[in-house]
């Protein structure tokens, strides 16, 4: 396995008012997995949702209800403090749930596949039932083997998190802990 790690939507606005201990645990697990991949020279890609201040590029519901989250130029659309982001890590800006929809992710992955021979995508971040799930399905539709990093994904909705994992497990994606991923990479605990 030669993976790339996609970390999706670990943004300030999505964690405002959420459980800080859960957030910190997730940040620690993501940092651990990212460090393991970087040590083997595999890429870590950060995916951020970001909308124009006038919402012209936002979801219909956001425009209709004037929902103002992850607005360009605000702290809300920035990655959480505590995440270890390397200056060489690519960043993909998305406008919809999937990291593939309307972004340059396909082209980025094609370049990385040529340069580092990546052959698998590992997904981390939030929310399992929305952005993780649609990105996993879109990756699967593109014939990428997908691993959901169980220690590195979460959702504000526990029920939908569990249902999404059951739906995707062993159909759309493998579901592995960080320890299982590290073992497959030969990096140990």
N, C-alpha and C. Protein backbone atom coordinates (compact mmCIF):
# COMPACT_ATOMS: atom_id res chain seq x y z
N UNK A 1 0.84 -1.18 0.00
CA UNK A 1 0.00 0.00 0.00
C UNK A 1 0.88 1.24 0.00
N UNK A 2 0.53 2.18 -0.88
CA UNK A 2 1.22 3.47 -0.96
C UNK A 2 0.14 4.56 -0.89
N UNK A 3 -0.18 4.99 0.32
CA UNK A 3 -1.35 5.86 0.49
C UNK A 3 -1.05 7.36 0.46
N UNK A 4 -2.12 8.09 0.21
CA UNK A 4 -2.18 9.52 0.47
C UNK A 4 -3.26 9.71 1.54
N UNK A 5 -3.01 10.60 2.47
CA UNK A 5 -3.97 10.90 3.52
C UNK A 5 -4.72 12.18 3.16
N UNK A 6 -6.04 12.11 3.12
CA UNK A 6 -6.89 13.29 2.92
C UNK A 6 -7.54 13.62 4.26
N UNK A 7 -7.25 14.79 4.79
CA UNK A 7 -7.84 15.25 6.05
C UNK A 7 -8.90 16.29 5.69
N UNK A 8 -10.14 15.98 6.02
CA UNK A 8 -11.28 16.75 5.52
C UNK A 8 -11.93 17.58 6.62
N UNK A 9 -12.02 18.88 6.38
CA UNK A 9 -12.84 19.82 7.15
C UNK A 9 -12.57 19.90 8.64
N UNK A 10 -11.33 19.79 9.04
CA UNK A 10 -10.99 19.99 10.45
C UNK A 10 -10.85 21.49 10.69
N UNK A 11 -12.00 22.17 10.63
CA UNK A 11 -12.06 23.63 10.61
C UNK A 11 -12.65 24.20 11.89
N UNK A 12 -12.24 25.41 12.22
CA UNK A 12 -12.71 26.07 13.43
C UNK A 12 -14.23 26.14 13.51
N UNK A 13 -14.92 26.55 12.45
CA UNK A 13 -16.37 26.68 12.51
C UNK A 13 -17.07 25.37 12.83
N UNK A 14 -16.54 24.26 12.37
CA UNK A 14 -17.19 22.97 12.60
C UNK A 14 -16.99 22.46 14.02
N UNK A 15 -16.03 23.04 14.74
CA UNK A 15 -15.78 22.60 16.10
C UNK A 15 -16.23 23.62 17.14
N UNK A 16 -16.73 24.77 16.70
CA UNK A 16 -17.21 25.77 17.64
C UNK A 16 -18.36 25.18 18.45
N UNK A 17 -18.24 25.24 19.77
CA UNK A 17 -19.29 24.74 20.64
C UNK A 17 -19.33 23.22 20.78
N UNK A 18 -18.39 22.52 20.17
CA UNK A 18 -18.35 21.06 20.27
C UNK A 18 -17.44 20.65 21.43
N UNK A 19 -17.48 19.38 21.75
CA UNK A 19 -16.72 18.80 22.85
C UNK A 19 -15.21 18.94 22.59
N UNK A 20 -14.53 19.73 23.41
CA UNK A 20 -13.11 20.00 23.23
C UNK A 20 -12.27 18.73 23.39
N UNK A 21 -12.64 17.85 24.31
CA UNK A 21 -11.88 16.62 24.51
C UNK A 21 -11.96 15.73 23.27
N UNK A 22 -13.14 15.63 22.68
CA UNK A 22 -13.30 14.84 21.44
C UNK A 22 -12.46 15.44 20.33
N UNK A 23 -12.50 16.77 20.22
CA UNK A 23 -11.71 17.47 19.20
C UNK A 23 -10.23 17.18 19.39
N UNK A 24 -9.75 17.32 20.61
CA UNK A 24 -8.32 17.14 20.88
C UNK A 24 -7.88 15.70 20.63
N UNK A 25 -8.73 14.74 20.96
CA UNK A 25 -8.43 13.33 20.69
C UNK A 25 -8.32 13.11 19.19
N UNK A 26 -9.24 13.68 18.43
CA UNK A 26 -9.23 13.53 16.98
C UNK A 26 -8.00 14.21 16.37
N UNK A 27 -7.67 15.40 16.83
CA UNK A 27 -6.48 16.11 16.35
C UNK A 27 -5.23 15.28 16.63
N UNK A 28 -5.13 14.71 17.81
CA UNK A 28 -3.97 13.88 18.14
C UNK A 28 -3.85 12.66 17.24
N UNK A 29 -4.97 12.00 16.99
CA UNK A 29 -4.96 10.81 16.12
C UNK A 29 -4.59 11.17 14.69
N UNK A 30 -5.10 12.30 14.20
CA UNK A 30 -4.77 12.75 12.84
C UNK A 30 -3.29 13.09 12.75
N UNK A 31 -2.78 13.82 13.74
CA UNK A 31 -1.36 14.17 13.74
C UNK A 31 -0.49 12.92 13.76
N UNK A 32 -0.89 11.92 14.53
CA UNK A 32 -0.14 10.66 14.61
C UNK A 32 -0.09 9.97 13.25
N UNK A 33 -1.24 9.86 12.60
CA UNK A 33 -1.28 9.20 11.30
C UNK A 33 -0.54 10.00 10.24
N UNK A 34 -0.71 11.31 10.26
CA UNK A 34 0.00 12.17 9.30
C UNK A 34 1.51 12.03 9.47
N UNK A 35 1.98 11.98 10.69
CA UNK A 35 3.42 11.83 10.94
C UNK A 35 3.93 10.49 10.41
N UNK A 36 3.15 9.44 10.60
CA UNK A 36 3.55 8.12 10.09
C UNK A 36 3.66 8.12 8.57
N UNK A 37 2.71 8.77 7.91
CA UNK A 37 2.75 8.83 6.45
C UNK A 37 3.89 9.70 5.96
N UNK A 38 4.09 10.85 6.59
CA UNK A 38 5.19 11.73 6.18
C UNK A 38 6.54 11.04 6.35
N UNK A 39 6.68 10.24 7.41
CA UNK A 39 7.94 9.53 7.66
C UNK A 39 8.28 8.58 6.52
N UNK A 40 7.26 8.13 5.79
CA UNK A 40 7.46 7.24 4.65
C UNK A 40 7.38 8.00 3.32
N UNK A 41 7.36 9.33 3.40
CA UNK A 41 7.30 10.21 2.22
C UNK A 41 5.99 10.08 1.44
N UNK A 42 4.91 9.74 2.15
CA UNK A 42 3.60 9.74 1.51
C UNK A 42 2.90 11.06 1.79
N UNK A 43 2.08 11.54 0.84
CA UNK A 43 1.49 12.87 0.98
C UNK A 43 0.34 12.95 1.97
N UNK A 44 0.24 14.12 2.58
CA UNK A 44 -0.88 14.48 3.44
C UNK A 44 -1.54 15.68 2.77
N UNK A 45 -2.83 15.54 2.48
CA UNK A 45 -3.59 16.59 1.77
C UNK A 45 -4.67 17.11 2.71
N UNK A 46 -4.71 18.41 2.87
CA UNK A 46 -5.72 19.05 3.73
C UNK A 46 -6.84 19.58 2.84
N UNK A 47 -8.07 19.27 3.20
CA UNK A 47 -9.24 19.70 2.44
C UNK A 47 -10.05 20.63 3.33
N UNK A 48 -10.30 21.83 2.81
CA UNK A 48 -11.04 22.86 3.56
C UNK A 48 -12.24 23.33 2.77
N UNK A 49 -13.36 23.46 3.45
CA UNK A 49 -14.53 24.10 2.86
C UNK A 49 -14.41 25.60 3.07
N UNK A 50 -14.75 26.35 2.01
CA UNK A 50 -14.63 27.81 2.10
C UNK A 50 -15.60 28.44 1.11
N UNK A 51 -16.34 29.45 1.58
CA UNK A 51 -17.31 30.13 0.73
C UNK A 51 -17.05 31.64 0.70
N UNK A 52 -17.43 32.25 -0.40
CA UNK A 52 -17.32 33.71 -0.54
C UNK A 52 -18.24 34.39 0.49
N UNK A 53 -17.88 35.59 0.96
CA UNK A 53 -18.70 36.29 1.95
C UNK A 53 -20.15 36.53 1.50
N UNK A 54 -20.38 36.69 0.20
CA UNK A 54 -21.75 36.91 -0.27
C UNK A 54 -22.50 35.60 -0.54
N UNK A 55 -21.87 34.46 -0.26
CA UNK A 55 -22.45 33.11 -0.39
C UNK A 55 -22.81 32.71 -1.82
N UNK A 56 -22.29 33.41 -2.80
CA UNK A 56 -22.64 33.09 -4.19
C UNK A 56 -22.20 31.68 -4.61
N UNK A 57 -21.21 31.12 -3.91
CA UNK A 57 -20.71 29.79 -4.25
C UNK A 57 -21.14 28.74 -3.23
N UNK A 58 -22.07 29.09 -2.35
CA UNK A 58 -22.49 28.20 -1.26
C UNK A 58 -23.66 27.32 -1.67
N UNK A 59 -23.94 26.34 -0.83
CA UNK A 59 -25.10 25.47 -1.00
C UNK A 59 -26.38 26.30 -1.09
N UNK A 60 -27.36 25.78 -1.77
CA UNK A 60 -28.66 26.46 -1.88
C UNK A 60 -29.22 26.76 -0.50
N UNK A 61 -29.22 25.78 0.40
CA UNK A 61 -29.76 25.98 1.75
C UNK A 61 -29.03 27.11 2.47
N UNK A 62 -27.71 27.18 2.30
CA UNK A 62 -26.95 28.24 2.96
C UNK A 62 -27.37 29.61 2.45
N UNK A 63 -27.54 29.72 1.13
CA UNK A 63 -27.96 31.00 0.56
C UNK A 63 -29.37 31.35 1.02
N UNK A 64 -30.28 30.40 0.96
CA UNK A 64 -31.67 30.67 1.33
C UNK A 64 -31.83 31.04 2.80
N UNK A 65 -31.04 30.41 3.69
CA UNK A 65 -31.16 30.64 5.13
C UNK A 65 -30.07 31.56 5.68
N UNK A 66 -29.24 32.09 4.78
CA UNK A 66 -28.12 32.96 5.17
C UNK A 66 -27.25 32.32 6.25
N UNK A 67 -26.93 31.05 6.04
CA UNK A 67 -26.04 30.32 6.94
C UNK A 67 -24.61 30.72 6.60
N UNK A 68 -23.93 31.26 7.58
CA UNK A 68 -22.61 31.83 7.33
C UNK A 68 -21.55 31.06 8.10
N UNK A 69 -21.09 29.95 7.51
CA UNK A 69 -20.00 29.17 8.10
C UNK A 69 -18.89 29.01 7.06
N UNK A 70 -17.70 28.83 7.53
CA UNK A 70 -16.50 28.65 6.72
C UNK A 70 -16.41 29.71 5.62
N UNK A 71 -16.51 30.95 6.04
CA UNK A 71 -16.47 32.08 5.11
C UNK A 71 -15.02 32.49 4.86
N UNK A 72 -14.70 32.65 3.58
CA UNK A 72 -13.35 33.05 3.15
C UNK A 72 -12.89 34.28 3.93
N UNK A 73 -11.64 34.21 4.40
CA UNK A 73 -11.07 35.35 5.11
C UNK A 73 -11.36 35.37 6.60
N UNK A 74 -12.12 34.39 7.10
CA UNK A 74 -12.43 34.34 8.53
C UNK A 74 -11.64 33.22 9.19
N UNK A 75 -11.51 33.28 10.50
CA UNK A 75 -10.87 32.21 11.26
C UNK A 75 -11.67 30.91 11.16
N UNK A 76 -12.97 31.04 10.94
CA UNK A 76 -13.84 29.87 10.88
C UNK A 76 -13.50 28.88 9.79
N UNK A 77 -12.92 29.34 8.69
CA UNK A 77 -12.59 28.44 7.59
C UNK A 77 -11.15 27.93 7.66
N UNK A 78 -10.46 28.26 8.74
CA UNK A 78 -9.07 27.83 8.90
C UNK A 78 -8.99 26.50 9.64
N UNK A 79 -7.91 25.75 9.38
CA UNK A 79 -7.67 24.50 10.07
C UNK A 79 -7.47 24.75 11.56
N UNK A 80 -7.90 23.80 12.36
CA UNK A 80 -7.78 23.91 13.81
C UNK A 80 -6.33 24.08 14.24
N UNK A 81 -6.13 24.92 15.25
CA UNK A 81 -4.83 25.00 15.90
C UNK A 81 -4.55 23.62 16.48
N UNK A 82 -3.31 23.24 16.48
CA UNK A 82 -2.94 21.94 17.02
C UNK A 82 -2.70 20.90 15.94
N UNK A 83 -3.29 21.09 14.77
CA UNK A 83 -3.01 20.18 13.65
C UNK A 83 -1.61 20.50 13.13
N UNK A 84 -0.84 19.47 12.87
CA UNK A 84 0.51 19.67 12.37
C UNK A 84 0.45 19.63 10.84
N UNK A 85 0.54 20.82 10.26
CA UNK A 85 0.47 20.97 8.81
C UNK A 85 1.85 21.36 8.31
N UNK A 86 2.39 20.56 7.41
CA UNK A 86 3.70 20.84 6.84
C UNK A 86 3.52 21.86 5.70
N UNK A 87 4.47 22.73 5.54
CA UNK A 87 4.39 23.76 4.49
C UNK A 87 4.27 23.15 3.10
N UNK A 88 4.75 21.92 2.92
CA UNK A 88 4.67 21.28 1.61
C UNK A 88 3.36 20.50 1.39
N UNK A 89 2.52 20.40 2.41
CA UNK A 89 1.25 19.68 2.27
C UNK A 89 0.31 20.45 1.35
N UNK A 90 -0.25 19.78 0.33
CA UNK A 90 -1.24 20.45 -0.52
C UNK A 90 -2.53 20.75 0.26
N UNK A 91 -3.19 21.82 -0.14
CA UNK A 91 -4.49 22.20 0.43
C UNK A 91 -5.48 22.29 -0.73
N UNK A 92 -6.63 21.64 -0.55
CA UNK A 92 -7.70 21.66 -1.55
C UNK A 92 -8.88 22.40 -0.94
N UNK A 93 -9.41 23.38 -1.67
CA UNK A 93 -10.59 24.12 -1.23
C UNK A 93 -11.80 23.52 -1.92
N UNK A 94 -12.82 23.17 -1.13
CA UNK A 94 -14.03 22.59 -1.71
C UNK A 94 -15.24 23.46 -1.39
N UNK A 95 -16.26 23.28 -2.22
CA UNK A 95 -17.50 24.06 -2.07
C UNK A 95 -18.70 23.17 -1.76
N UNK A 96 -18.52 21.87 -1.80
CA UNK A 96 -19.59 20.92 -1.54
C UNK A 96 -19.06 19.82 -0.64
N UNK A 97 -19.90 18.84 -0.31
CA UNK A 97 -19.47 17.79 0.61
C UNK A 97 -18.24 17.04 0.10
N UNK A 98 -18.26 16.62 -1.14
CA UNK A 98 -17.17 15.80 -1.66
C UNK A 98 -15.92 16.63 -1.94
N UNK A 99 -14.77 16.08 -1.55
CA UNK A 99 -13.50 16.74 -1.84
C UNK A 99 -13.18 16.69 -3.34
N UNK A 100 -13.91 15.90 -4.10
CA UNK A 100 -13.68 15.79 -5.54
C UNK A 100 -14.52 16.78 -6.34
N UNK A 101 -15.71 17.13 -5.85
CA UNK A 101 -16.66 17.91 -6.64
C UNK A 101 -16.17 19.34 -6.86
N UNK A 102 -15.89 19.67 -8.11
CA UNK A 102 -15.52 21.03 -8.47
C UNK A 102 -14.16 21.47 -7.95
N UNK A 103 -13.29 20.53 -7.62
CA UNK A 103 -11.96 20.88 -7.12
C UNK A 103 -10.90 20.33 -8.07
N UNK A 104 -9.66 20.57 -7.76
CA UNK A 104 -8.56 20.02 -8.55
C UNK A 104 -7.99 18.75 -7.95
N UNK A 105 -8.77 18.07 -7.09
CA UNK A 105 -8.25 16.89 -6.41
C UNK A 105 -7.89 15.76 -7.37
N UNK A 106 -8.70 15.54 -8.39
CA UNK A 106 -8.37 14.48 -9.36
C UNK A 106 -6.99 14.72 -9.98
N UNK A 107 -6.73 15.94 -10.39
CA UNK A 107 -5.46 16.27 -11.03
C UNK A 107 -4.30 16.15 -10.03
N UNK A 108 -4.52 16.60 -8.81
CA UNK A 108 -3.49 16.50 -7.78
C UNK A 108 -3.14 15.03 -7.52
N UNK A 109 -4.16 14.18 -7.38
CA UNK A 109 -3.91 12.76 -7.13
C UNK A 109 -3.21 12.11 -8.32
N UNK A 110 -3.56 12.51 -9.53
CA UNK A 110 -2.89 11.95 -10.72
C UNK A 110 -1.40 12.31 -10.69
N UNK A 111 -1.07 13.57 -10.34
CA UNK A 111 0.34 13.97 -10.23
C UNK A 111 1.06 13.19 -9.14
N UNK A 112 0.40 13.05 -7.99
CA UNK A 112 1.01 12.32 -6.88
C UNK A 112 1.18 10.84 -7.22
N UNK A 113 0.24 10.28 -7.96
CA UNK A 113 0.35 8.88 -8.37
C UNK A 113 1.56 8.68 -9.28
N UNK A 114 1.84 9.66 -10.12
CA UNK A 114 3.02 9.58 -10.99
C UNK A 114 4.31 9.74 -10.19
N UNK A 115 4.32 10.71 -9.28
CA UNK A 115 5.55 11.04 -8.54
C UNK A 115 5.86 10.07 -7.41
N UNK A 116 4.84 9.66 -6.66
CA UNK A 116 5.08 8.81 -5.49
C UNK A 116 4.40 7.46 -5.61
N UNK A 117 3.76 7.20 -6.73
CA UNK A 117 3.06 5.95 -6.98
C UNK A 117 1.99 5.64 -5.94
N UNK A 118 1.32 6.68 -5.41
CA UNK A 118 0.23 6.41 -4.46
C UNK A 118 -0.81 5.54 -5.14
N UNK A 119 -1.39 4.65 -4.36
CA UNK A 119 -2.38 3.73 -4.91
C UNK A 119 -3.60 3.56 -4.02
N UNK A 120 -3.65 4.30 -2.90
CA UNK A 120 -4.72 4.17 -1.93
C UNK A 120 -4.99 5.53 -1.30
N UNK A 121 -6.25 5.78 -0.95
CA UNK A 121 -6.59 7.00 -0.23
C UNK A 121 -7.06 6.65 1.17
N UNK A 122 -6.47 7.32 2.16
CA UNK A 122 -6.92 7.19 3.54
C UNK A 122 -7.66 8.48 3.87
N UNK A 123 -8.88 8.34 4.40
CA UNK A 123 -9.68 9.52 4.74
C UNK A 123 -9.72 9.73 6.24
N UNK A 124 -9.62 10.99 6.63
CA UNK A 124 -9.70 11.42 8.02
C UNK A 124 -10.50 12.71 8.06
N UNK A 125 -10.99 13.08 9.24
CA UNK A 125 -11.68 14.36 9.40
C UNK A 125 -13.14 14.18 9.78
N UNK A 126 -13.92 15.18 9.40
CA UNK A 126 -15.34 15.17 9.74
C UNK A 126 -16.15 15.58 8.51
N UNK A 127 -17.38 15.43 8.49
CA UNK A 127 -18.29 14.62 9.26
C UNK A 127 -18.51 13.31 8.52
N UNK A 128 -18.50 12.20 9.24
CA UNK A 128 -18.55 10.87 8.63
C UNK A 128 -19.74 10.72 7.70
N UNK A 129 -20.88 11.22 8.12
CA UNK A 129 -22.12 11.00 7.36
C UNK A 129 -22.28 11.95 6.17
N UNK A 130 -21.42 12.92 6.06
CA UNK A 130 -21.55 13.91 4.98
C UNK A 130 -20.28 13.93 4.14
N UNK A 131 -19.31 14.73 4.52
CA UNK A 131 -18.12 14.95 3.69
C UNK A 131 -17.23 13.72 3.57
N UNK A 132 -17.07 12.96 4.65
CA UNK A 132 -16.28 11.73 4.57
C UNK A 132 -16.98 10.74 3.65
N UNK A 133 -18.26 10.55 3.85
CA UNK A 133 -19.01 9.56 3.06
C UNK A 133 -19.04 9.91 1.58
N UNK A 134 -19.33 11.16 1.24
CA UNK A 134 -19.41 11.51 -0.19
C UNK A 134 -18.03 11.48 -0.84
N UNK A 135 -16.99 11.86 -0.11
CA UNK A 135 -15.64 11.77 -0.66
C UNK A 135 -15.25 10.31 -0.86
N UNK A 136 -15.59 9.45 0.10
CA UNK A 136 -15.29 8.02 -0.03
C UNK A 136 -16.00 7.43 -1.24
N UNK A 137 -17.26 7.76 -1.41
CA UNK A 137 -18.02 7.24 -2.56
C UNK A 137 -17.43 7.75 -3.87
N UNK A 138 -17.10 9.04 -3.92
CA UNK A 138 -16.50 9.57 -5.15
C UNK A 138 -15.14 8.95 -5.44
N UNK A 139 -14.35 8.68 -4.40
CA UNK A 139 -13.06 8.00 -4.60
C UNK A 139 -13.29 6.58 -5.12
N UNK A 140 -14.24 5.89 -4.53
CA UNK A 140 -14.59 4.53 -4.96
C UNK A 140 -15.04 4.53 -6.42
N UNK A 141 -15.84 5.52 -6.80
CA UNK A 141 -16.32 5.64 -8.18
C UNK A 141 -15.16 5.87 -9.15
N UNK A 142 -14.04 6.37 -8.62
CA UNK A 142 -12.85 6.62 -9.44
C UNK A 142 -11.84 5.47 -9.34
N UNK A 143 -12.26 4.37 -8.74
CA UNK A 143 -11.45 3.16 -8.59
C UNK A 143 -10.27 3.30 -7.64
N UNK A 144 -10.34 4.24 -6.71
CA UNK A 144 -9.33 4.33 -5.66
C UNK A 144 -9.70 3.38 -4.53
N UNK A 145 -8.79 2.54 -4.08
CA UNK A 145 -9.03 1.83 -2.82
C UNK A 145 -9.07 2.88 -1.70
N UNK A 146 -10.04 2.74 -0.81
CA UNK A 146 -10.26 3.74 0.24
C UNK A 146 -10.18 3.07 1.60
N UNK A 147 -9.49 3.73 2.52
CA UNK A 147 -9.45 3.32 3.92
C UNK A 147 -10.01 4.47 4.74
N UNK A 148 -10.96 4.16 5.60
CA UNK A 148 -11.44 5.14 6.57
C UNK A 148 -10.63 4.94 7.84
N UNK A 149 -9.90 5.96 8.25
CA UNK A 149 -9.07 5.89 9.45
C UNK A 149 -9.98 6.08 10.66
N UNK A 150 -10.39 4.97 11.25
CA UNK A 150 -11.42 4.97 12.29
C UNK A 150 -11.10 5.91 13.44
N UNK A 151 -9.83 5.96 13.85
CA UNK A 151 -9.44 6.84 14.96
C UNK A 151 -9.45 8.31 14.56
N UNK A 152 -9.54 8.57 13.26
CA UNK A 152 -9.36 9.93 12.73
C UNK A 152 -10.61 10.50 12.08
N UNK A 153 -11.75 9.85 12.24
CA UNK A 153 -12.99 10.40 11.69
C UNK A 153 -14.03 10.49 12.79
N UNK A 154 -14.92 11.46 12.65
CA UNK A 154 -15.95 11.66 13.65
C UNK A 154 -17.08 12.47 13.03
N UNK A 155 -18.14 12.61 13.80
CA UNK A 155 -19.30 13.37 13.36
C UNK A 155 -20.00 13.94 14.57
N UNK A 156 -20.66 15.06 14.40
CA UNK A 156 -21.46 15.61 15.49
C UNK A 156 -22.70 14.76 15.73
N UNK A 157 -23.06 13.90 14.76
CA UNK A 157 -24.23 13.04 14.86
C UNK A 157 -23.78 11.58 14.97
N UNK A 158 -23.76 11.06 16.19
CA UNK A 158 -23.26 9.72 16.47
C UNK A 158 -24.01 8.64 15.69
N UNK A 159 -25.33 8.75 15.63
CA UNK A 159 -26.13 7.73 14.94
C UNK A 159 -25.78 7.68 13.45
N UNK A 160 -25.71 8.84 12.81
CA UNK A 160 -25.37 8.87 11.39
C UNK A 160 -23.92 8.45 11.15
N UNK A 161 -23.04 8.72 12.09
CA UNK A 161 -21.65 8.26 12.02
C UNK A 161 -21.62 6.74 11.93
N UNK A 162 -22.32 6.09 12.86
CA UNK A 162 -22.33 4.62 12.91
C UNK A 162 -23.01 4.02 11.68
N UNK A 163 -24.12 4.58 11.26
CA UNK A 163 -24.83 4.09 10.07
C UNK A 163 -23.94 4.23 8.84
N UNK A 164 -23.26 5.34 8.71
CA UNK A 164 -22.37 5.57 7.56
C UNK A 164 -21.22 4.57 7.55
N UNK A 165 -20.64 4.31 8.71
CA UNK A 165 -19.56 3.33 8.78
C UNK A 165 -20.05 1.95 8.36
N UNK A 166 -21.23 1.56 8.86
CA UNK A 166 -21.78 0.25 8.46
C UNK A 166 -22.05 0.19 6.96
N UNK A 167 -22.55 1.27 6.39
CA UNK A 167 -22.84 1.31 4.96
C UNK A 167 -21.57 1.17 4.13
N UNK A 168 -20.51 1.86 4.52
CA UNK A 168 -19.30 1.89 3.71
C UNK A 168 -18.36 0.70 3.96
N UNK A 169 -18.40 0.13 5.16
CA UNK A 169 -17.41 -0.88 5.54
C UNK A 169 -17.43 -2.08 4.60
N UNK A 170 -16.26 -2.36 4.05
CA UNK A 170 -16.01 -3.51 3.18
C UNK A 170 -16.81 -3.49 1.88
N UNK A 171 -17.44 -2.37 1.57
CA UNK A 171 -18.09 -2.17 0.27
C UNK A 171 -17.39 -1.02 -0.44
N UNK A 172 -17.49 0.14 0.16
CA UNK A 172 -16.89 1.36 -0.37
C UNK A 172 -15.46 1.49 0.13
N UNK A 173 -15.24 1.08 1.38
CA UNK A 173 -13.95 1.33 2.03
C UNK A 173 -13.65 0.29 3.09
N UNK A 174 -12.38 0.12 3.36
CA UNK A 174 -11.95 -0.61 4.55
C UNK A 174 -12.02 0.37 5.71
N UNK A 175 -12.27 -0.14 6.89
CA UNK A 175 -12.30 0.68 8.10
C UNK A 175 -11.22 0.14 9.02
N UNK A 176 -10.16 0.96 9.23
CA UNK A 176 -9.01 0.51 10.01
C UNK A 176 -8.64 1.54 11.06
N UNK A 177 -8.13 1.05 12.19
CA UNK A 177 -7.58 1.93 13.22
C UNK A 177 -6.21 2.44 12.78
N UNK A 178 -5.71 3.42 13.49
CA UNK A 178 -4.35 3.89 13.20
C UNK A 178 -3.34 2.76 13.37
N UNK A 179 -3.51 1.94 14.40
CA UNK A 179 -2.59 0.84 14.63
C UNK A 179 -2.60 -0.13 13.45
N UNK A 180 -3.77 -0.43 12.93
CA UNK A 180 -3.87 -1.33 11.78
C UNK A 180 -3.23 -0.72 10.53
N UNK A 181 -3.43 0.58 10.34
CA UNK A 181 -2.83 1.25 9.19
C UNK A 181 -1.31 1.27 9.33
N UNK A 182 -0.83 1.59 10.51
CA UNK A 182 0.62 1.62 10.75
C UNK A 182 1.23 0.24 10.53
N UNK A 183 0.53 -0.81 10.99
CA UNK A 183 1.03 -2.18 10.80
C UNK A 183 1.11 -2.50 9.31
N UNK A 184 0.09 -2.11 8.55
CA UNK A 184 0.10 -2.36 7.10
C UNK A 184 1.23 -1.61 6.41
N UNK A 185 1.60 -0.46 6.96
CA UNK A 185 2.71 0.33 6.42
C UNK A 185 4.07 -0.13 6.94
N UNK A 186 4.05 -1.01 7.93
CA UNK A 186 5.29 -1.50 8.50
C UNK A 186 5.96 -0.52 9.45
N UNK A 187 5.17 0.40 10.04
CA UNK A 187 5.76 1.41 10.93
C UNK A 187 5.52 1.10 12.40
N UNK A 188 4.81 0.03 12.72
CA UNK A 188 4.61 -0.36 14.12
C UNK A 188 3.71 0.58 14.86
N UNK A 189 3.66 0.41 16.21
CA UNK A 189 2.71 1.21 17.02
C UNK A 189 3.09 2.68 17.11
